[in-house]
Every structure is written in C-alpha cells, then in structure tokens.
C-alpha cells in the first residue's frame, strides 16, 4: 500500500542481505513500463507483463528485494517470500494527506488497507506459505528490516507473520466509527 514504508524498508532489507534492490515505481518510470499516465490518479497505468519481464531479467541469477504495490511474479525467478507491510488505516490517512494525495485516492488506499486487499492479492499470487505481513504502524522501518533480515537468514521469516485485524484494533480503541465516517464522507465528495 502507498505510504506504509515499502521503499525505505525494502532498501534497508536488501542492504542487510546483500541483495539487489528494485524500487518498482522508479523502474517503471526509467524503463517506461507503462501505457499511460493518469493525471487525476497521479499514477502510471502499468504493463504488468513488461514489468514481470524487466524485473525477472534484473534478478535472474541473483537475489533481490522488490518494493512494489503490485503483487506480480518476476518472469523466470522463484519468489521465496512476499512481505506485506501494513499500517493502521487512521495513521495511513495522515501519511497520505501529508503527501498531498487527493481525498478520493486516500479513501481508495485506506479502504484497501482496511479490508486486507494487499494481503489477499499477495496470498493469491504467492500462496499463504510465502506471505508475511508486518505491522509497520509507528515502528522503525530500519529495525523491522533488521528483524526480517535476521529471520530470513535463519530460515524463520514466517515466524514474524503478524495477524492484523483493523476492525478489532479500531474497536478496542473506540475509533472504528471515526474511520467509517471518513470513508463515508470521502465517498460522498
């Protein structure tokens, strides 16, 4: 999900493991792996087949960490694990507002985080035995990457998998209505 810290986490994880790091948005721009630019969404319309081929060619014969909002398999490369960074939806609102995202795009991203869409997509693509979710809310991404690198080297990355339940979390904090009101308000605009 946008705003959760994928790039900082991924860059640090790759550095700790001695792996190549690929920032997918940067690669998409550099290699023009898009079909159009949507100015309203402030995003490129990407070509996932071309992305798969490009990332596959960069990673073949080596190891790497890819920071991406898309769940995709690099062509010709085995994906050992997919790490899905999660963030408290209310915190995510603040991060995306700080980045100047339009209200509708914040709603879209926060809704997806709230209903576990990134996690579900990763599990569909890679299988539940390869997907680890980590709650990055108000945590040091460098420390999170260090824990993940150590666990990966020791073959126990799946042990870091955290159960994320935003409904239960926000209910316990008595803030679920706050999020639902934001999503409803943003939808009506």
Protein backbone atom coordinates (compact mmCIF):
# COMPACT_ATOMS: atom_id res chain seq x y z
CA UNK A 1 0.00 0.00 0.00
CA UNK A 2 1.21 3.51 -0.72
CA UNK A 3 2.63 5.27 2.33
CA UNK A 4 3.46 2.26 4.51
CA UNK A 5 7.24 2.45 4.04
CA UNK A 6 7.90 -0.14 1.32
CA UNK A 7 10.83 1.68 -0.23
CA UNK A 8 12.69 2.50 3.00
CA UNK A 9 12.04 -0.98 4.39
CA UNK A 10 12.95 -2.73 1.14
CA UNK A 11 16.11 -0.71 0.58
CA UNK A 12 17.30 -1.47 4.14
CA UNK A 13 16.37 -5.17 3.89
CA UNK A 14 18.23 -5.56 0.59
CA UNK A 15 21.28 -3.82 2.04
CA UNK A 16 21.33 -6.07 5.11
CA UNK A 17 21.03 -9.21 2.98
CA UNK A 18 23.45 -8.06 0.28
CA UNK A 19 20.68 -8.33 -2.32
CA UNK A 20 19.84 -6.11 -5.26
CA UNK A 21 17.09 -3.57 -4.52
CA UNK A 22 14.46 -2.66 -7.10
CA UNK A 23 12.15 0.27 -6.48
CA UNK A 24 9.35 -0.59 -8.89
CA UNK A 25 7.93 2.94 -9.36
CA UNK A 26 11.41 4.15 -10.26
CA UNK A 27 11.94 1.22 -12.66
CA UNK A 28 8.55 1.87 -14.30
CA UNK A 29 9.49 5.49 -14.96
CA UNK A 30 13.07 4.78 -16.08
CA UNK A 31 12.14 1.98 -18.48
CA UNK A 32 8.75 3.38 -19.47
CA UNK A 33 6.93 0.23 -18.38
CA UNK A 34 3.59 1.99 -18.56
CA UNK A 35 0.94 2.55 -21.17
CA UNK A 36 -0.23 5.96 -19.98
CA UNK A 37 -0.12 8.45 -17.14
CA UNK A 38 -3.35 9.20 -15.31
CA UNK A 39 -3.03 12.79 -14.02
CA UNK A 40 -6.17 12.54 -11.88
CA UNK A 41 -4.86 9.43 -10.10
CA UNK A 42 -1.32 10.81 -10.18
CA UNK A 43 -0.18 7.36 -11.28
CA UNK A 44 1.13 5.45 -14.25
CA UNK A 45 -1.02 2.79 -15.89
CA UNK A 46 1.49 -0.03 -15.80
CA UNK A 47 2.03 -3.00 -18.08
CA UNK A 48 2.49 -5.92 -15.66
CA UNK A 49 3.78 -8.28 -18.38
CA UNK A 50 6.59 -5.87 -19.24
CA UNK A 51 7.27 -5.29 -15.53
CA UNK A 52 7.46 -9.05 -14.93
CA UNK A 53 9.95 -9.47 -17.78
CA UNK A 54 12.08 -6.47 -16.74
CA UNK A 55 12.28 -7.42 -13.06
CA UNK A 56 12.90 -11.05 -13.98
CA UNK A 57 15.85 -10.10 -16.17
CA UNK A 58 17.30 -7.92 -13.40
CA UNK A 59 17.02 -10.67 -10.78
CA UNK A 60 17.92 -13.77 -12.77
CA UNK A 61 20.97 -15.44 -11.31
CA UNK A 62 20.85 -13.39 -8.11
CA UNK A 63 18.67 -12.37 -5.23
CA UNK A 64 16.71 -9.21 -4.76
CA UNK A 65 14.11 -7.24 -2.88
CA UNK A 66 11.38 -5.50 -4.88
CA UNK A 67 9.35 -2.65 -3.39
CA UNK A 68 6.00 -2.66 -5.15
CA UNK A 69 2.30 -2.00 -4.66
CA UNK A 70 1.62 -4.77 -7.20
CA UNK A 71 1.69 -8.49 -6.49
CA UNK A 72 3.40 -9.98 -9.53
CA UNK A 73 5.84 -12.77 -10.29
CA UNK A 74 9.08 -11.72 -11.95
CA UNK A 75 9.45 -13.88 -15.06
CA UNK A 76 11.83 -16.80 -14.61
CA UNK A 77 12.54 -16.07 -10.94
CA UNK A 78 11.41 -18.00 -7.87
CA UNK A 79 9.79 -15.78 -5.24
CA UNK A 80 10.86 -17.05 -1.82
CA UNK A 81 8.72 -14.65 0.22
CA UNK A 82 6.44 -11.67 -0.12
CA UNK A 83 6.34 -9.23 2.78
CA UNK A 84 3.21 -7.12 3.03
CA UNK A 85 3.69 -4.04 5.19
CA UNK A 86 0.52 -2.96 6.95
CA UNK A 87 -0.46 0.32 8.61
CA UNK A 88 -3.27 1.43 10.89
CA UNK A 89 -5.80 2.95 8.45
CA UNK A 90 -6.19 6.11 10.57
CA UNK A 91 -2.43 6.59 10.58
CA UNK A 92 -2.36 5.91 6.82
CA UNK A 93 -4.85 8.73 6.27
CA UNK A 94 -2.42 11.17 7.92
CA UNK A 95 0.55 9.89 5.90
CA UNK A 96 -1.30 10.19 2.57
CA UNK A 97 -2.70 13.62 3.47
CA UNK A 98 0.87 14.69 4.20
CA UNK A 99 1.85 13.54 0.72
CA UNK A 100 -0.90 15.65 -0.82
CA UNK A 101 -3.00 12.79 -2.14
CA UNK A 102 -6.49 13.77 -3.28
CA UNK A 103 -9.27 12.76 -0.89
CA UNK A 104 -10.68 10.08 -3.22
CA UNK A 105 -7.27 8.44 -3.59
CA UNK A 106 -6.74 8.43 0.17
CA UNK A 107 -10.13 6.77 0.55
CA UNK A 108 -9.26 4.17 -2.08
CA UNK A 109 -5.92 3.31 -0.44
CA UNK A 110 -7.28 3.32 3.11
CA UNK A 111 -10.27 1.18 2.12
CA UNK A 112 -7.92 -1.36 0.52
CA UNK A 113 -5.76 -1.46 3.65
CA UNK A 114 -8.81 -1.76 5.89
CA UNK A 115 -10.20 -4.79 4.03
CA UNK A 116 -6.79 -6.52 3.67
CA UNK A 117 -6.71 -6.20 -0.14
CA UNK A 118 -2.87 -6.11 -0.45
CA UNK A 119 -2.59 -9.20 1.75
CA UNK A 120 -5.26 -11.11 -0.17
CA UNK A 121 -3.64 -10.26 -3.52
CA UNK A 122 -0.22 -11.41 -2.28
CA UNK A 123 -1.64 -14.69 -0.95
CA UNK A 124 -3.44 -15.32 -4.26
CA UNK A 125 -0.23 -14.71 -6.20
CA UNK A 126 2.35 -16.40 -3.96
CA UNK A 127 0.45 -18.66 -1.54
CA UNK A 128 -0.10 -18.25 2.19
CA UNK A 129 3.06 -20.24 2.97
CA UNK A 130 5.21 -17.47 1.41
CA UNK A 131 3.44 -14.31 2.54
CA UNK A 132 4.41 -12.49 5.73
CA UNK A 133 2.53 -9.45 6.97
CA UNK A 134 4.22 -6.97 9.24
CA UNK A 135 2.52 -4.08 11.01
CA UNK A 136 4.67 -1.03 10.27
CA UNK A 137 2.47 1.41 12.20
CA UNK A 138 4.70 3.77 14.20
CA UNK A 139 7.59 1.30 14.07
CA UNK A 140 11.15 1.86 12.98
CA UNK A 141 11.41 0.53 9.43
CA UNK A 142 15.15 0.03 9.90
CA UNK A 143 14.56 -2.16 12.98
CA UNK A 144 11.76 -4.02 11.23
CA UNK A 145 14.09 -4.69 8.28
CA UNK A 146 16.83 -5.88 10.64
CA UNK A 147 14.43 -8.36 12.27
CA UNK A 148 13.26 -9.55 8.85
CA UNK A 149 16.82 -9.94 7.53
CA UNK A 150 17.89 -11.97 10.56
CA UNK A 151 14.80 -14.17 10.36
CA UNK A 152 15.27 -14.68 6.60
CA UNK A 153 18.91 -15.72 7.04
CA UNK A 154 17.87 -18.17 9.77
CA UNK A 155 15.03 -19.61 7.68
CA UNK A 156 12.33 -18.42 10.07
CA UNK A 157 10.84 -15.41 8.30
CA UNK A 158 7.33 -16.89 8.50
CA UNK A 159 7.59 -16.71 12.31
CA UNK A 160 7.43 -12.92 12.04
CA UNK A 161 3.99 -13.05 10.41
CA UNK A 162 1.63 -10.83 12.38
CA UNK A 163 -2.11 -11.21 12.45
CA UNK A 164 -3.58 -7.83 11.53
CA UNK A 165 -7.23 -7.15 12.36
CA UNK A 166 -8.00 -3.48 11.82
CA UNK A 167 -11.68 -3.83 12.77
CA UNK A 168 -10.84 -5.37 16.13
CA UNK A 169 -7.95 -2.97 16.68
CA UNK A 170 -10.04 0.13 15.97
CA UNK A 171 -12.98 -1.21 18.01
CA UNK A 172 -10.69 -1.68 21.02
CA UNK A 173 -9.51 1.91 20.62
CA UNK A 174 -13.13 3.05 20.10
CA UNK A 175 -12.09 4.61 16.78
CA UNK A 176 -13.82 2.37 14.23
CA UNK A 177 -16.64 4.89 13.72
CA UNK A 178 -14.04 7.59 13.05
CA UNK A 179 -12.61 5.57 10.17
CA UNK A 180 -16.01 4.59 8.81
CA UNK A 181 -17.13 8.23 8.92
CA UNK A 182 -14.04 9.30 6.99
CA UNK A 183 -14.62 6.64 4.33
CA UNK A 184 -18.29 7.56 4.04
CA UNK A 185 -17.56 11.30 3.91
CA UNK A 186 -14.79 10.89 1.37
CA UNK A 187 -17.03 8.70 -0.81
CA UNK A 188 -19.80 11.29 -0.91
CA UNK A 189 -17.46 14.04 -2.20
